[in-house]
N, C-alpha and C. Protein backbone atom coordinates (compact mmCIF):
# COMPACT_ATOMS: atom_id res chain seq x y z
N UNK A 1 -20.39 40.47 26.67
CA UNK A 1 -20.98 40.04 27.91
C UNK A 1 -22.10 39.06 27.58
N UNK A 2 -22.23 38.05 28.45
CA UNK A 2 -23.27 37.05 28.30
C UNK A 2 -24.14 37.05 29.55
N UNK A 3 -25.41 36.78 29.36
CA UNK A 3 -26.32 36.59 30.49
C UNK A 3 -26.64 35.11 30.56
N UNK A 4 -26.32 34.51 31.69
CA UNK A 4 -26.58 33.09 31.89
C UNK A 4 -27.76 32.94 32.83
N UNK A 5 -28.68 32.07 32.46
CA UNK A 5 -29.87 31.89 33.28
C UNK A 5 -30.05 30.47 33.78
N UNK A 6 -29.38 29.52 33.17
CA UNK A 6 -29.58 28.11 33.54
C UNK A 6 -28.24 27.40 33.67
N UNK A 7 -28.23 26.27 34.39
CA UNK A 7 -27.01 25.47 34.45
C UNK A 7 -26.55 25.01 33.06
N UNK A 8 -27.49 24.82 32.16
CA UNK A 8 -27.14 24.43 30.79
C UNK A 8 -26.35 25.56 30.11
N UNK A 9 -26.74 26.81 30.35
CA UNK A 9 -25.98 27.95 29.83
C UNK A 9 -24.55 27.91 30.36
N UNK A 10 -24.41 27.64 31.65
CA UNK A 10 -23.08 27.60 32.27
C UNK A 10 -22.22 26.51 31.64
N UNK A 11 -22.78 25.34 31.42
CA UNK A 11 -22.01 24.26 30.79
C UNK A 11 -21.64 24.61 29.36
N UNK A 12 -22.57 25.14 28.62
CA UNK A 12 -22.34 25.47 27.22
C UNK A 12 -21.23 26.51 27.06
N UNK A 13 -21.19 27.47 27.98
CA UNK A 13 -20.20 28.54 27.90
C UNK A 13 -18.98 28.31 28.78
N UNK A 14 -18.89 27.11 29.39
CA UNK A 14 -17.77 26.77 30.27
C UNK A 14 -17.59 27.83 31.36
N UNK A 15 -18.68 28.16 32.00
CA UNK A 15 -18.72 29.22 33.00
C UNK A 15 -18.46 28.63 34.37
N UNK A 16 -17.37 29.08 35.02
CA UNK A 16 -16.99 28.51 36.32
C UNK A 16 -17.44 29.36 37.50
N UNK A 17 -17.98 30.53 37.24
CA UNK A 17 -18.49 31.37 38.33
C UNK A 17 -18.42 32.84 37.98
N UNK A 18 -19.10 33.62 38.81
CA UNK A 18 -19.18 35.06 38.57
C UNK A 18 -18.41 35.82 39.64
N UNK A 19 -17.60 36.77 39.24
CA UNK A 19 -17.41 37.26 37.88
C UNK A 19 -16.34 36.46 37.14
N UNK A 20 -16.59 36.15 35.90
CA UNK A 20 -15.58 35.56 35.03
C UNK A 20 -15.23 36.59 33.97
N UNK A 21 -13.93 36.84 33.83
CA UNK A 21 -13.45 37.78 32.83
C UNK A 21 -12.57 37.00 31.87
N UNK A 22 -12.89 37.11 30.59
CA UNK A 22 -12.10 36.46 29.55
C UNK A 22 -11.65 37.51 28.54
N UNK A 23 -10.44 37.36 28.08
CA UNK A 23 -9.90 38.21 27.03
C UNK A 23 -9.64 37.31 25.84
N UNK A 24 -10.28 37.60 24.72
CA UNK A 24 -10.19 36.74 23.53
C UNK A 24 -10.52 35.29 23.86
N UNK A 25 -11.50 35.09 24.72
CA UNK A 25 -11.96 33.75 25.06
C UNK A 25 -11.13 33.02 26.10
N UNK A 26 -10.06 33.64 26.58
CA UNK A 26 -9.19 33.00 27.58
C UNK A 26 -9.42 33.62 28.96
N UNK A 27 -9.53 32.74 29.95
CA UNK A 27 -9.72 33.19 31.32
C UNK A 27 -8.50 33.97 31.80
N UNK A 28 -8.71 34.92 32.70
CA UNK A 28 -7.59 35.69 33.25
C UNK A 28 -6.61 34.81 34.01
N UNK A 29 -7.10 33.75 34.62
CA UNK A 29 -6.23 32.82 35.36
C UNK A 29 -6.04 31.57 34.50
N UNK A 30 -4.88 31.43 33.87
CA UNK A 30 -4.66 30.32 32.94
C UNK A 30 -4.95 28.94 33.53
N UNK A 31 -4.68 28.75 34.82
CA UNK A 31 -4.92 27.43 35.43
C UNK A 31 -6.41 27.10 35.51
N UNK A 32 -7.27 28.07 35.33
CA UNK A 32 -8.71 27.82 35.38
C UNK A 32 -9.24 27.20 34.09
N UNK A 33 -8.43 27.19 33.04
CA UNK A 33 -8.86 26.59 31.77
C UNK A 33 -9.19 25.11 31.94
N UNK A 34 -8.53 24.46 32.90
CA UNK A 34 -8.72 23.02 33.10
C UNK A 34 -9.96 22.70 33.95
N UNK A 35 -10.55 23.68 34.59
CA UNK A 35 -11.72 23.45 35.44
C UNK A 35 -12.91 23.02 34.60
N UNK A 36 -13.56 21.97 35.02
CA UNK A 36 -14.74 21.47 34.30
C UNK A 36 -16.00 21.53 35.15
N UNK A 37 -15.90 22.11 36.33
CA UNK A 37 -17.03 22.20 37.25
C UNK A 37 -17.79 23.51 36.98
N UNK A 38 -18.62 23.51 35.95
CA UNK A 38 -19.32 24.71 35.52
C UNK A 38 -20.60 24.91 36.32
N UNK A 39 -20.97 26.17 36.51
CA UNK A 39 -22.21 26.42 37.21
C UNK A 39 -22.45 27.89 37.48
N UNK A 40 -23.64 28.16 37.98
CA UNK A 40 -24.05 29.51 38.34
C UNK A 40 -23.74 29.71 39.81
N UNK A 41 -22.58 30.27 40.08
CA UNK A 41 -22.13 30.47 41.46
C UNK A 41 -21.11 31.61 41.52
N UNK A 42 -20.70 31.95 42.72
CA UNK A 42 -19.67 32.97 42.89
C UNK A 42 -18.30 32.39 42.59
N UNK A 43 -17.40 33.26 42.25
CA UNK A 43 -16.04 32.85 41.93
C UNK A 43 -15.07 33.78 42.66
N UNK A 44 -13.91 33.24 42.97
CA UNK A 44 -12.85 34.04 43.59
C UNK A 44 -11.61 33.99 42.70
N UNK A 45 -10.79 35.00 42.83
CA UNK A 45 -9.51 35.07 42.13
C UNK A 45 -8.41 35.01 43.17
N UNK A 46 -7.26 34.53 42.76
CA UNK A 46 -6.11 34.43 43.65
C UNK A 46 -5.16 35.60 43.36
N UNK A 47 -4.94 36.44 44.37
CA UNK A 47 -4.04 37.58 44.24
C UNK A 47 -3.08 37.54 45.41
N UNK A 48 -1.81 37.36 45.10
CA UNK A 48 -0.77 37.27 46.14
C UNK A 48 -1.11 36.21 47.18
N UNK A 49 -1.63 35.09 46.72
CA UNK A 49 -1.95 33.98 47.61
C UNK A 49 -3.23 34.13 48.40
N UNK A 50 -3.99 35.19 48.13
CA UNK A 50 -5.24 35.43 48.85
C UNK A 50 -6.43 35.37 47.90
N UNK A 51 -7.56 34.92 48.42
CA UNK A 51 -8.79 34.91 47.62
C UNK A 51 -9.41 36.30 47.64
N UNK A 52 -9.75 36.79 46.45
CA UNK A 52 -10.44 38.08 46.33
C UNK A 52 -11.67 37.88 45.46
N UNK A 53 -12.63 38.78 45.59
CA UNK A 53 -13.91 38.64 44.88
C UNK A 53 -13.87 39.08 43.42
N UNK A 54 -12.90 39.90 43.06
CA UNK A 54 -12.82 40.43 41.70
C UNK A 54 -11.38 40.39 41.22
N UNK A 55 -11.17 40.25 39.91
CA UNK A 55 -9.81 40.35 39.39
C UNK A 55 -9.31 41.79 39.54
N UNK A 56 -8.01 41.93 39.69
CA UNK A 56 -7.43 43.27 39.82
C UNK A 56 -7.29 43.92 38.45
N UNK A 57 -7.14 45.22 38.46
CA UNK A 57 -6.92 45.94 37.20
C UNK A 57 -5.66 45.44 36.51
N UNK A 58 -4.63 45.14 37.30
CA UNK A 58 -3.38 44.66 36.70
C UNK A 58 -3.56 43.29 36.05
N UNK A 59 -4.40 42.44 36.61
CA UNK A 59 -4.67 41.13 35.99
C UNK A 59 -5.31 41.33 34.62
N UNK A 60 -6.26 42.24 34.55
CA UNK A 60 -6.94 42.51 33.28
C UNK A 60 -5.98 43.15 32.29
N UNK A 61 -5.21 44.13 32.75
CA UNK A 61 -4.24 44.80 31.89
C UNK A 61 -3.21 43.80 31.34
N UNK A 62 -2.69 42.93 32.21
CA UNK A 62 -1.70 41.94 31.77
C UNK A 62 -2.29 41.01 30.71
N UNK A 63 -3.53 40.58 30.92
CA UNK A 63 -4.17 39.68 29.95
C UNK A 63 -4.35 40.37 28.60
N UNK A 64 -4.73 41.64 28.63
CA UNK A 64 -4.88 42.39 27.37
C UNK A 64 -3.53 42.53 26.68
N UNK A 65 -2.50 42.86 27.45
CA UNK A 65 -1.17 43.03 26.87
C UNK A 65 -0.64 41.74 26.26
N UNK A 66 -0.96 40.60 26.85
CA UNK A 66 -0.51 39.31 26.29
C UNK A 66 -1.12 39.06 24.92
N UNK A 67 -2.31 39.59 24.68
CA UNK A 67 -2.94 39.37 23.37
C UNK A 67 -2.28 40.21 22.29
N UNK A 68 -1.55 41.24 22.68
CA UNK A 68 -0.89 42.12 21.72
C UNK A 68 0.44 41.57 21.25
N UNK A 69 0.95 40.55 21.93
CA UNK A 69 2.28 40.00 21.58
C UNK A 69 2.18 39.01 20.46
């Protein structure tokens, strides 16, 4: 876990918003890797075409399982 306090922290860590969950340095949503708009702000995840405030347990589980392959 990282604590970010400044916009410079966000740029340095490629932080696109909170909460951001990464497994082995990779974002849970692969398409977010291309985002370059870093900052200290809220983030949403896309689940079944809807915006949600947090990633689902299955998103986290799937990302962990992909690292085992």
